[in-house]
C-alpha cells in the first residue's frame, strides 16, 4: 500500500475513485498495514 491520506490515495484510481471510495474507507492504507502486521509480517515505509 502507500502511506498517504485516503483522499490523496483515491486520486490514484482516476474516474473509478468515487466507486472505490467507500471500500477504501474500510480497507485503506492504514487497515491494509494492520492486516499485514496481523499476519506476523512487520512493515516499513
ModelCIF file with pLDDT and N, C-alpha, C, O atoms, coordinates in Angstrom:
data_MODEL
#
_entry.id   MODEL 
#
_entity.id                         1 
_entity.type                       polymer 
_entity.pdbx_number_of_molecules   1 
#
_entity_poly.entity_id                      1 
_entity_poly.type                           'polypeptide(L)' 
_entity_poly.nstd_linkage                   no 
_entity_poly.nstd_monomer                   no 
_entity_poly.pdbx_seq_one_letter_code       
;(UNK)(UNK)(UNK)(UNK)(UNK)(UNK)(UNK)(UNK)(UNK)(UNK)(UNK)(UNK)(UNK)(UNK)(UNK)(UNK)
(UNK)(UNK)(UNK)(UNK)(UNK)(UNK)(UNK)(UNK)(UNK)(UNK)(UNK)(UNK)(UNK)(UNK)(UNK)(UNK)
(UNK)(UNK)(UNK)(UNK)(UNK)(UNK)(UNK)(UNK)(UNK)(UNK)(UNK)(UNK)(UNK)
;
_entity_poly.pdbx_seq_one_letter_code_can   XXXXXXXXXXXXXXXXXXXXXXXXXXXXXXXXXXXXXXXXXXXXX 
_entity_poly.pdbx_strand_id                 A 
#
loop_
_entity_poly_seq.entity_id 
_entity_poly_seq.num 
_entity_poly_seq.mon_id 
_entity_poly_seq.hetero 
1 1  UNK n 
1 2  UNK n 
1 3  UNK n 
1 4  UNK n 
1 5  UNK n 
1 6  UNK n 
1 7  UNK n 
1 8  UNK n 
1 9  UNK n 
1 10 UNK n 
1 11 UNK n 
1 12 UNK n 
1 13 UNK n 
1 14 UNK n 
1 15 UNK n 
1 16 UNK n 
1 17 UNK n 
1 18 UNK n 
1 19 UNK n 
1 20 UNK n 
1 21 UNK n 
1 22 UNK n 
1 23 UNK n 
1 24 UNK n 
1 25 UNK n 
1 26 UNK n 
1 27 UNK n 
1 28 UNK n 
1 29 UNK n 
1 30 UNK n 
1 31 UNK n 
1 32 UNK n 
1 33 UNK n 
1 34 UNK n 
1 35 UNK n 
1 36 UNK n 
1 37 UNK n 
1 38 UNK n 
1 39 UNK n 
1 40 UNK n 
1 41 UNK n 
1 42 UNK n 
1 43 UNK n 
1 44 UNK n 
1 45 UNK n 
#
_struct_asym.id          A 
_struct_asym.entity_id   1 
#
loop_
_ma_qa_metric.id 
_ma_qa_metric.mode 
_ma_qa_metric.name 
_ma_qa_metric.software_group_id 
_ma_qa_metric.type 
1 global pLDDT . pLDDT 
2 local  pLDDT . pLDDT 
#
_ma_qa_metric_global.metric_id      1 
_ma_qa_metric_global.metric_value   95.89 
_ma_qa_metric_global.model_id       1 
_ma_qa_metric_global.ordinal_id     1 
#
loop_
_ma_qa_metric_local.label_asym_id 
_ma_qa_metric_local.label_comp_id 
_ma_qa_metric_local.label_seq_id 
_ma_qa_metric_local.metric_id 
_ma_qa_metric_local.metric_value 
_ma_qa_metric_local.model_id 
_ma_qa_metric_local.ordinal_id 
A UNK 1  2 97.00 1 1  
A UNK 2  2 96.00 1 2  
A UNK 3  2 96.00 1 3  
A UNK 4  2 95.00 1 4  
A UNK 5  2 91.00 1 5  
A UNK 6  2 88.00 1 6  
A UNK 7  2 92.00 1 7  
A UNK 8  2 94.00 1 8  
A UNK 9  2 96.00 1 9  
A UNK 10 2 96.00 1 10 
A UNK 11 2 94.00 1 11 
A UNK 12 2 93.00 1 12 
A UNK 13 2 96.00 1 13 
A UNK 14 2 93.00 1 14 
A UNK 15 2 95.00 1 15 
A UNK 16 2 97.00 1 16 
A UNK 17 2 97.00 1 17 
A UNK 18 2 97.00 1 18 
A UNK 19 2 98.00 1 19 
A UNK 20 2 97.00 1 20 
A UNK 21 2 97.00 1 21 
A UNK 22 2 97.00 1 22 
A UNK 23 2 97.00 1 23 
A UNK 24 2 96.00 1 24 
A UNK 25 2 96.00 1 25 
A UNK 26 2 96.00 1 26 
A UNK 27 2 97.00 1 27 
A UNK 28 2 96.00 1 28 
A UNK 29 2 96.00 1 29 
A UNK 30 2 96.00 1 30 
A UNK 31 2 97.00 1 31 
A UNK 32 2 97.00 1 32 
A UNK 33 2 97.00 1 33 
A UNK 34 2 97.00 1 34 
A UNK 35 2 98.00 1 35 
A UNK 36 2 97.00 1 36 
A UNK 37 2 97.00 1 37 
A UNK 38 2 97.00 1 38 
A UNK 39 2 97.00 1 39 
A UNK 40 2 97.00 1 40 
A UNK 41 2 96.00 1 41 
A UNK 42 2 97.00 1 42 
A UNK 43 2 97.00 1 43 
A UNK 44 2 96.00 1 44 
A UNK 45 2 96.00 1 45 
#
loop_
_atom_site.group_PDB 
_atom_site.id 
_atom_site.type_symbol 
_atom_site.label_atom_id 
_atom_site.label_alt_id 
_atom_site.label_comp_id 
_atom_site.label_asym_id 
_atom_site.label_entity_id 
_atom_site.label_seq_id 
_atom_site.pdbx_PDB_ins_code 
_atom_site.Cartn_x 
_atom_site.Cartn_y 
_atom_site.Cartn_z 
_atom_site.occupancy 
_atom_site.B_iso_or_equiv 
_atom_site.pdbx_formal_charge 
_atom_site.auth_seq_id 
_atom_site.auth_comp_id 
_atom_site.auth_asym_id 
_atom_site.auth_atom_id 
_atom_site.pdbx_PDB_model_num 
ATOM 1   N N  . UNK A 1 1  ? 0.844   -1.183  0.000   1.00 97.00 ? 1  UNK A N  1 
ATOM 2   C CA . UNK A 1 1  ? 0.000   0.000   0.000   1.00 97.00 ? 1  UNK A CA 1 
ATOM 3   C C  . UNK A 1 1  ? 0.883   1.238   0.000   1.00 97.00 ? 1  UNK A C  1 
ATOM 4   O O  . UNK A 1 1  ? 2.103   1.135   -0.134  1.00 97.00 ? 1  UNK A O  1 
ATOM 5   N N  . UNK A 1 2  ? 0.280   2.391   0.148   1.00 96.00 ? 2  UNK A N  1 
ATOM 6   C CA . UNK A 1 2  ? 1.036   3.644   0.219   1.00 96.00 ? 2  UNK A CA 1 
ATOM 7   C C  . UNK A 1 2  ? 0.537   4.449   1.400   1.00 96.00 ? 2  UNK A C  1 
ATOM 8   O O  . UNK A 1 2  ? -0.668  4.600   1.600   1.00 96.00 ? 2  UNK A O  1 
ATOM 9   N N  . UNK A 1 3  ? 1.468   4.961   2.177   1.00 96.00 ? 3  UNK A N  1 
ATOM 10  C CA . UNK A 1 3  ? 1.143   5.690   3.399   1.00 96.00 ? 3  UNK A CA 1 
ATOM 11  C C  . UNK A 1 3  ? 0.776   7.126   3.045   1.00 96.00 ? 3  UNK A C  1 
ATOM 12  O O  . UNK A 1 3  ? 1.633   8.009   3.039   1.00 96.00 ? 3  UNK A O  1 
ATOM 13  N N  . UNK A 1 4  ? -0.492  7.353   2.754   1.00 95.00 ? 4  UNK A N  1 
ATOM 14  C CA . UNK A 1 4  ? -0.979  8.697   2.488   1.00 95.00 ? 4  UNK A CA 1 
ATOM 15  C C  . UNK A 1 4  ? -2.457  8.755   2.844   1.00 95.00 ? 4  UNK A C  1 
ATOM 16  O O  . UNK A 1 4  ? -3.115  7.717   2.909   1.00 95.00 ? 4  UNK A O  1 
ATOM 17  N N  . UNK A 1 5  ? -2.989  9.952   3.075   1.00 91.00 ? 5  UNK A N  1 
ATOM 18  C CA . UNK A 1 5  ? -4.405  10.077  3.435   1.00 91.00 ? 5  UNK A CA 1 
ATOM 19  C C  . UNK A 1 5  ? -5.309  9.489   2.362   1.00 91.00 ? 5  UNK A C  1 
ATOM 20  O O  . UNK A 1 5  ? -4.948  9.439   1.186   1.00 91.00 ? 5  UNK A O  1 
ATOM 21  N N  . UNK A 1 6  ? -6.484  9.047   2.783   1.00 88.00 ? 6  UNK A N  1 
ATOM 22  C CA . UNK A 1 6  ? -7.394  8.398   1.845   1.00 88.00 ? 6  UNK A CA 1 
ATOM 23  C C  . UNK A 1 6  ? -7.710  9.272   0.640   1.00 88.00 ? 6  UNK A C  1 
ATOM 24  O O  . UNK A 1 6  ? -7.796  8.766   -0.479  1.00 88.00 ? 6  UNK A O  1 
ATOM 25  N N  . UNK A 1 7  ? -7.886  10.575  0.845   1.00 92.00 ? 7  UNK A N  1 
ATOM 26  C CA . UNK A 1 7  ? -8.239  11.472  -0.265  1.00 92.00 ? 7  UNK A CA 1 
ATOM 27  C C  . UNK A 1 7  ? -7.146  11.478  -1.320  1.00 92.00 ? 7  UNK A C  1 
ATOM 28  O O  . UNK A 1 7  ? -7.434  11.421  -2.516  1.00 92.00 ? 7  UNK A O  1 
ATOM 29  N N  . UNK A 1 8  ? -5.894  11.547  -0.884  1.00 94.00 ? 8  UNK A N  1 
ATOM 30  C CA . UNK A 1 8  ? -4.779  11.511  -1.834  1.00 94.00 ? 8  UNK A CA 1 
ATOM 31  C C  . UNK A 1 8  ? -4.653  10.133  -2.461  1.00 94.00 ? 8  UNK A C  1 
ATOM 32  O O  . UNK A 1 8  ? -4.379  10.008  -3.655  1.00 94.00 ? 8  UNK A O  1 
ATOM 33  N N  . UNK A 1 9  ? -4.854  9.105   -1.654  1.00 96.00 ? 9  UNK A N  1 
ATOM 34  C CA . UNK A 1 9  ? -4.749  7.736   -2.157  1.00 96.00 ? 9  UNK A CA 1 
ATOM 35  C C  . UNK A 1 9  ? -5.783  7.469   -3.244  1.00 96.00 ? 9  UNK A C  1 
ATOM 36  O O  . UNK A 1 9  ? -5.480  6.825   -4.249  1.00 96.00 ? 9  UNK A O  1 
ATOM 37  N N  . UNK A 1 10 ? -6.979  7.954   -3.049  1.00 96.00 ? 10 UNK A N  1 
ATOM 38  C CA . UNK A 1 10 ? -8.058  7.694   -4.006  1.00 96.00 ? 10 UNK A CA 1 
ATOM 39  C C  . UNK A 1 10 ? -7.795  8.316   -5.374  1.00 96.00 ? 10 UNK A C  1 
ATOM 40  O O  . UNK A 1 10 ? -8.303  7.830   -6.384  1.00 96.00 ? 10 UNK A O  1 
ATOM 41  N N  . UNK A 1 11 ? -7.008  9.385   -5.413  1.00 94.00 ? 11 UNK A N  1 
ATOM 42  C CA . UNK A 1 11 ? -6.718  10.005  -6.711  1.00 94.00 ? 11 UNK A CA 1 
ATOM 43  C C  . UNK A 1 11 ? -5.999  9.040   -7.642  1.00 94.00 ? 11 UNK A C  1 
ATOM 44  O O  . UNK A 1 11 ? -6.028  9.219   -8.859  1.00 94.00 ? 11 UNK A O  1 
ATOM 45  N N  . UNK A 1 12 ? -5.361  8.027   -7.091  1.00 93.00 ? 12 UNK A N  1 
ATOM 46  C CA . UNK A 1 12 ? -4.680  7.038   -7.910  1.00 93.00 ? 12 UNK A CA 1 
ATOM 47  C C  . UNK A 1 12 ? -5.631  6.135   -8.697  1.00 93.00 ? 12 UNK A C  1 
ATOM 48  O O  . UNK A 1 12 ? -5.187  5.386   -9.567  1.00 93.00 ? 12 UNK A O  1 
ATOM 49  N N  . UNK A 1 13 ? -6.926  6.195   -8.404  1.00 96.00 ? 13 UNK A N  1 
ATOM 50  C CA . UNK A 1 13 ? -7.892  5.338   -9.095  1.00 96.00 ? 13 UNK A CA 1 
ATOM 51  C C  . UNK A 1 13 ? -8.659  6.072   -10.193 1.00 96.00 ? 13 UNK A C  1 
ATOM 52  O O  . UNK A 1 13 ? -9.621  5.538   -10.746 1.00 96.00 ? 13 UNK A O  1 
ATOM 53  N N  . UNK A 1 14 ? -8.234  7.294   -10.507 1.00 93.00 ? 14 UNK A N  1 
ATOM 54  C CA . UNK A 1 14 ? -8.813  8.055   -11.609 1.00 93.00 ? 14 UNK A CA 1 
ATOM 55  C C  . UNK A 1 14 ? -10.329 8.161   -11.453 1.00 93.00 ? 14 UNK A C  1 
ATOM 56  O O  . UNK A 1 14 ? -10.824 8.429   -10.358 1.00 93.00 ? 14 UNK A O  1 
ATOM 57  N N  . UNK A 1 15 ? -11.073 7.949   -12.556 1.00 95.00 ? 15 UNK A N  1 
ATOM 58  C CA . UNK A 1 15 ? -12.523 8.158   -12.515 1.00 95.00 ? 15 UNK A CA 1 
ATOM 59  C C  . UNK A 1 15 ? -13.258 7.095   -11.703 1.00 95.00 ? 15 UNK A C  1 
ATOM 60  O O  . UNK A 1 15 ? -14.434 7.274   -11.387 1.00 95.00 ? 15 UNK A O  1 
ATOM 61  N N  . UNK A 1 16 ? -12.592 5.993   -11.359 1.00 97.00 ? 16 UNK A N  1 
ATOM 62  C CA . UNK A 1 16 ? -13.231 4.973   -10.522 1.00 97.00 ? 16 UNK A CA 1 
ATOM 63  C C  . UNK A 1 16 ? -13.197 5.333   -9.039  1.00 97.00 ? 16 UNK A C  1 
ATOM 64  O O  . UNK A 1 16 ? -13.794 4.634   -8.220  1.00 97.00 ? 16 UNK A O  1 
ATOM 65  N N  . UNK A 1 17 ? -12.508 6.413   -8.687  1.00 97.00 ? 17 UNK A N  1 
ATOM 66  C CA . UNK A 1 17 ? -12.343 6.778   -7.276  1.00 97.00 ? 17 UNK A CA 1 
ATOM 67  C C  . UNK A 1 17 ? -13.670 6.900   -6.520  1.00 97.00 ? 17 UNK A C  1 
ATOM 68  O O  . UNK A 1 17 ? -13.761 6.396   -5.401  1.00 97.00 ? 17 UNK A O  1 
ATOM 69  N N  . UNK A 1 18 ? -14.705 7.543   -7.078  1.00 97.00 ? 18 UNK A N  1 
ATOM 70  C CA . UNK A 1 18 ? -15.958 7.633   -6.310  1.00 97.00 ? 18 UNK A CA 1 
ATOM 71  C C  . UNK A 1 18 ? -16.576 6.268   -6.005  1.00 97.00 ? 18 UNK A C  1 
ATOM 72  O O  . UNK A 1 18 ? -17.224 6.094   -4.973  1.00 97.00 ? 18 UNK A O  1 
ATOM 73  N N  . UNK A 1 19 ? -16.376 5.313   -6.893  1.00 98.00 ? 19 UNK A N  1 
ATOM 74  C CA . UNK A 1 19 ? -16.927 3.976   -6.664  1.00 98.00 ? 19 UNK A CA 1 
ATOM 75  C C  . UNK A 1 19 ? -16.141 3.221   -5.589  1.00 98.00 ? 19 UNK A C  1 
ATOM 76  O O  . UNK A 1 19 ? -16.716 2.493   -4.779  1.00 98.00 ? 19 UNK A O  1 
ATOM 77  N N  . UNK A 1 20 ? -14.828 3.403   -5.596  1.00 97.00 ? 20 UNK A N  1 
ATOM 78  C CA . UNK A 1 20 ? -13.962 2.651   -4.683  1.00 97.00 ? 20 UNK A CA 1 
ATOM 79  C C  . UNK A 1 20 ? -13.847 3.330   -3.318  1.00 97.00 ? 20 UNK A C  1 
ATOM 80  O O  . UNK A 1 20 ? -13.434 2.702   -2.344  1.00 97.00 ? 20 UNK A O  1 
ATOM 81  N N  . UNK A 1 21 ? -14.211 4.602   -3.249  1.00 97.00 ? 21 UNK A N  1 
ATOM 82  C CA . UNK A 1 21 ? -14.036 5.357   -2.003  1.00 97.00 ? 21 UNK A CA 1 
ATOM 83  C C  . UNK A 1 21 ? -14.660 4.680   -0.781  1.00 97.00 ? 21 UNK A C  1 
ATOM 84  O O  . UNK A 1 21 ? -14.003 4.614   0.258   1.00 97.00 ? 21 UNK A O  1 
ATOM 85  N N  . UNK A 1 22 ? -15.897 4.174   -0.853  1.00 97.00 ? 22 UNK A N  1 
ATOM 86  C CA . UNK A 1 22 ? -16.454 3.525   0.346   1.00 97.00 ? 22 UNK A CA 1 
ATOM 87  C C  . UNK A 1 22 ? -15.642 2.317   0.792   1.00 97.00 ? 22 UNK A C  1 
ATOM 88  O O  . UNK A 1 22 ? -15.535 2.037   1.986   1.00 97.00 ? 22 UNK A O  1 
ATOM 89  N N  . UNK A 1 23 ? -15.073 1.607   -0.171  1.00 97.00 ? 23 UNK A N  1 
ATOM 90  C CA . UNK A 1 23 ? -14.301 0.411   0.157   1.00 97.00 ? 23 UNK A CA 1 
ATOM 91  C C  . UNK A 1 23 ? -12.962 0.768   0.796   1.00 97.00 ? 23 UNK A C  1 
ATOM 92  O O  . UNK A 1 23 ? -12.506 0.110   1.731   1.00 97.00 ? 23 UNK A O  1 
ATOM 93  N N  . UNK A 1 24 ? -12.337 1.834   0.267   1.00 96.00 ? 24 UNK A N  1 
ATOM 94  C CA . UNK A 1 24 ? -11.062 2.286   0.830   1.00 96.00 ? 24 UNK A CA 1 
ATOM 95  C C  . UNK A 1 24 ? -11.274 2.870   2.226   1.00 96.00 ? 24 UNK A C  1 
ATOM 96  O O  . UNK A 1 24 ? -10.368 2.823   3.059   1.00 96.00 ? 24 UNK A O  1 
ATOM 97  N N  . UNK A 1 25 ? -12.456 3.418   2.488   1.00 96.00 ? 25 UNK A N  1 
ATOM 98  C CA . UNK A 1 25 ? -12.717 3.949   3.830   1.00 96.00 ? 25 UNK A CA 1 
ATOM 99  C C  . UNK A 1 25 ? -12.711 2.837   4.874   1.00 96.00 ? 25 UNK A C  1 
ATOM 100 O O  . UNK A 1 25 ? -12.470 3.085   6.055   1.00 96.00 ? 25 UNK A O  1 
ATOM 101 N N  . UNK A 1 26 ? -12.979 1.603   4.425   1.00 96.00 ? 26 UNK A N  1 
ATOM 102 C CA . UNK A 1 26 ? -12.971 0.444   5.327   1.00 96.00 ? 26 UNK A CA 1 
ATOM 103 C C  . UNK A 1 26 ? -11.630 -0.289  5.277   1.00 96.00 ? 26 UNK A C  1 
ATOM 104 O O  . UNK A 1 26 ? -11.116 -0.731  6.304   1.00 96.00 ? 26 UNK A O  1 
ATOM 105 N N  . UNK A 1 27 ? -11.075 -0.411  4.080   1.00 97.00 ? 27 UNK A N  1 
ATOM 106 C CA . UNK A 1 27 ? -9.827  -1.170  3.897   1.00 97.00 ? 27 UNK A CA 1 
ATOM 107 C C  . UNK A 1 27 ? -8.849  -0.311  3.101   1.00 97.00 ? 27 UNK A C  1 
ATOM 108 O O  . UNK A 1 27 ? -8.482  -0.649  1.975   1.00 97.00 ? 27 UNK A O  1 
ATOM 109 N N  . UNK A 1 28 ? -8.436  0.793   3.695   1.00 96.00 ? 28 UNK A N  1 
ATOM 110 C CA . UNK A 1 28 ? -7.475  1.686   3.067   1.00 96.00 ? 28 UNK A CA 1 
ATOM 111 C C  . UNK A 1 28 ? -6.059  1.403   3.527   1.00 96.00 ? 28 UNK A C  1 
ATOM 112 O O  . UNK A 1 28 ? -5.796  0.348   4.104   1.00 96.00 ? 28 UNK A O  1 
ATOM 113 N N  . UNK A 1 29 ? -5.136  2.336   3.280   1.00 96.00 ? 29 UNK A N  1 
ATOM 114 C CA . UNK A 1 29 ? -3.726  2.091   3.614   1.00 96.00 ? 29 UNK A CA 1 
ATOM 115 C C  . UNK A 1 29 ? -3.482  1.683   5.064   1.00 96.00 ? 29 UNK A C  1 
ATOM 116 O O  . UNK A 1 29 ? -2.721  0.748   5.315   1.00 96.00 ? 29 UNK A O  1 
ATOM 117 N N  . UNK A 1 30 ? -4.113  2.366   6.027   1.00 96.00 ? 30 UNK A N  1 
ATOM 118 C CA . UNK A 1 30 ? -3.877  2.028   7.437   1.00 96.00 ? 30 UNK A CA 1 
ATOM 119 C C  . UNK A 1 30 ? -4.394  0.634   7.762   1.00 96.00 ? 30 UNK A C  1 
ATOM 120 O O  . UNK A 1 30 ? -3.736  -0.121  8.477   1.00 96.00 ? 30 UNK A O  1 
ATOM 121 N N  . UNK A 1 31 ? -5.582  0.283   7.235   1.00 97.00 ? 31 UNK A N  1 
ATOM 122 C CA . UNK A 1 31 ? -6.158  -1.034  7.510   1.00 97.00 ? 31 UNK A CA 1 
ATOM 123 C C  . UNK A 1 31 ? -5.344  -2.138  6.847   1.00 97.00 ? 31 UNK A C  1 
ATOM 124 O O  . UNK A 1 31 ? -5.172  -3.208  7.430   1.00 97.00 ? 31 UNK A O  1 
ATOM 125 N N  . UNK A 1 32 ? -4.844  -1.898  5.644   1.00 97.00 ? 32 UNK A N  1 
ATOM 126 C CA . UNK A 1 32 ? -4.010  -2.894  4.967   1.00 97.00 ? 32 UNK A CA 1 
ATOM 127 C C  . UNK A 1 32 ? -2.725  -3.133  5.752   1.00 97.00 ? 32 UNK A C  1 
ATOM 128 O O  . UNK A 1 32 ? -2.274  -4.270  5.889   1.00 97.00 ? 32 UNK A O  1 
ATOM 129 N N  . UNK A 1 33 ? -2.145  -2.060  6.263   1.00 97.00 ? 33 UNK A N  1 
ATOM 130 C CA . UNK A 1 33 ? -0.931  -2.198  7.072   1.00 97.00 ? 33 UNK A CA 1 
ATOM 131 C C  . UNK A 1 33 ? -1.204  -3.039  8.313   1.00 97.00 ? 33 UNK A C  1 
ATOM 132 O O  . UNK A 1 33 ? -0.412  -3.915  8.660   1.00 97.00 ? 33 UNK A O  1 
ATOM 133 N N  . UNK A 1 34 ? -2.320  -2.774  8.979   1.00 97.00 ? 34 UNK A N  1 
ATOM 134 C CA . UNK A 1 34 ? -2.664  -3.561  10.170  1.00 97.00 ? 34 UNK A CA 1 
ATOM 135 C C  . UNK A 1 34 ? -2.915  -5.023  9.807   1.00 97.00 ? 34 UNK A C  1 
ATOM 136 O O  . UNK A 1 34 ? -2.543  -5.927  10.556  1.00 97.00 ? 34 UNK A O  1 
ATOM 137 N N  . UNK A 1 35 ? -3.539  -5.250  8.666   1.00 98.00 ? 35 UNK A N  1 
ATOM 138 C CA . UNK A 1 35 ? -3.806  -6.617  8.220   1.00 98.00 ? 35 UNK A CA 1 
ATOM 139 C C  . UNK A 1 35 ? -2.505  -7.393  8.032   1.00 98.00 ? 35 UNK A C  1 
ATOM 140 O O  . UNK A 1 35 ? -2.389  -8.531  8.486   1.00 98.00 ? 35 UNK A O  1 
ATOM 141 N N  . UNK A 1 36 ? -1.538  -6.788  7.372   1.00 97.00 ? 36 UNK A N  1 
ATOM 142 C CA . UNK A 1 36 ? -0.259  -7.452  7.113   1.00 97.00 ? 36 UNK A CA 1 
ATOM 143 C C  . UNK A 1 36 ? 0.475   -7.705  8.421   1.00 97.00 ? 36 UNK A C  1 
ATOM 144 O O  . UNK A 1 36 ? 1.017   -8.789  8.633   1.00 97.00 ? 36 UNK A O  1 
ATOM 145 N N  . UNK A 1 37 ? 0.494   -6.709  9.296   1.00 97.00 ? 37 UNK A N  1 
ATOM 146 C CA . UNK A 1 37 ? 1.159   -6.891  10.587  1.00 97.00 ? 37 UNK A CA 1 
ATOM 147 C C  . UNK A 1 37 ? 0.448   -7.958  11.416  1.00 97.00 ? 37 UNK A C  1 
ATOM 148 O O  . UNK A 1 37 ? 1.086   -8.676  12.186  1.00 97.00 ? 37 UNK A O  1 
ATOM 149 N N  . UNK A 1 38 ? -0.868  -8.064  11.260  1.00 97.00 ? 38 UNK A N  1 
ATOM 150 C CA . UNK A 1 38 ? -1.620  -9.084  11.972  1.00 97.00 ? 38 UNK A CA 1 
ATOM 151 C C  . UNK A 1 38 ? -1.295  -10.494 11.521  1.00 97.00 ? 38 UNK A C  1 
ATOM 152 O O  . UNK A 1 38 ? -1.573  -11.462 12.230  1.00 97.00 ? 38 UNK A O  1 
ATOM 153 N N  . UNK A 1 39 ? -0.702  -10.609 10.336  1.00 97.00 ? 39 UNK A N  1 
ATOM 154 C CA . UNK A 1 39 ? -0.238  -11.911 9.851   1.00 97.00 ? 39 UNK A CA 1 
ATOM 155 C C  . UNK A 1 39 ? 1.220   -12.169 10.228  1.00 97.00 ? 39 UNK A C  1 
ATOM 156 O O  . UNK A 1 39 ? 1.864   -13.070 9.691   1.00 97.00 ? 39 UNK A O  1 
ATOM 157 N N  . UNK A 1 40 ? 1.726   -11.365 11.158  1.00 97.00 ? 40 UNK A N  1 
ATOM 158 C CA . UNK A 1 40 ? 3.093   -11.575 11.644  1.00 97.00 ? 40 UNK A CA 1 
ATOM 159 C C  . UNK A 1 40 ? 4.164   -11.034 10.724  1.00 97.00 ? 40 UNK A C  1 
ATOM 160 O O  . UNK A 1 40 ? 5.316   -11.463 10.793  1.00 97.00 ? 40 UNK A O  1 
ATOM 161 N N  . UNK A 1 41 ? 3.797   -10.084 9.852   1.00 96.00 ? 41 UNK A N  1 
ATOM 162 C CA . UNK A 1 41 ? 4.754   -9.514  8.911   1.00 96.00 ? 41 UNK A CA 1 
ATOM 163 C C  . UNK A 1 41 ? 4.933   -8.027  9.193   1.00 96.00 ? 41 UNK A C  1 
ATOM 164 O O  . UNK A 1 41 ? 4.145   -7.217  8.705   1.00 96.00 ? 41 UNK A O  1 
ATOM 165 N N  . UNK A 1 42 ? 5.954   -7.645  9.971   1.00 97.00 ? 42 UNK A N  1 
ATOM 166 C CA . UNK A 1 42 ? 6.186   -6.222  10.224  1.00 97.00 ? 42 UNK A CA 1 
ATOM 167 C C  . UNK A 1 42 ? 6.498   -5.484  8.922   1.00 97.00 ? 42 UNK A C  1 
ATOM 168 O O  . UNK A 1 42 ? 7.008   -6.074  7.969   1.00 97.00 ? 42 UNK A O  1 
ATOM 169 N N  . UNK A 1 43 ? 6.188   -4.195  8.897   1.00 97.00 ? 43 UNK A N  1 
ATOM 170 C CA . UNK A 1 43 ? 6.333   -3.420  7.671   1.00 97.00 ? 43 UNK A CA 1 
ATOM 171 C C  . UNK A 1 43 ? 7.276   -2.239  7.892   1.00 97.00 ? 43 UNK A C  1 
ATOM 172 O O  . UNK A 1 43 ? 7.608   -1.889  9.024   1.00 97.00 ? 43 UNK A O  1 
ATOM 173 N N  . UNK A 1 44 ? 7.695   -1.641  6.789   1.00 96.00 ? 44 UNK A N  1 
ATOM 174 C CA . UNK A 1 44 ? 8.420   -0.375  6.850   1.00 96.00 ? 44 UNK A CA 1 
ATOM 175 C C  . UNK A 1 44 ? 7.922   0.518   5.723   1.00 96.00 ? 44 UNK A C  1 
ATOM 176 O O  . UNK A 1 44 ? 7.393   0.043   4.717   1.00 96.00 ? 44 UNK A O  1 
ATOM 177 N N  . UNK A 1 45 ? 8.102   1.817   5.912   1.00 96.00 ? 45 UNK A N  1 
ATOM 178 C CA . UNK A 1 45 ? 7.647   2.797   4.929   1.00 96.00 ? 45 UNK A CA 1 
ATOM 179 C C  . UNK A 1 45 ? 8.867   3.370   4.223   1.00 96.00 ? 45 UNK A C  1 
ATOM 180 O O  . UNK A 1 45 ? 8.729   4.222   3.345   1.00 96.00 ? 45 UNK A O  1 
#
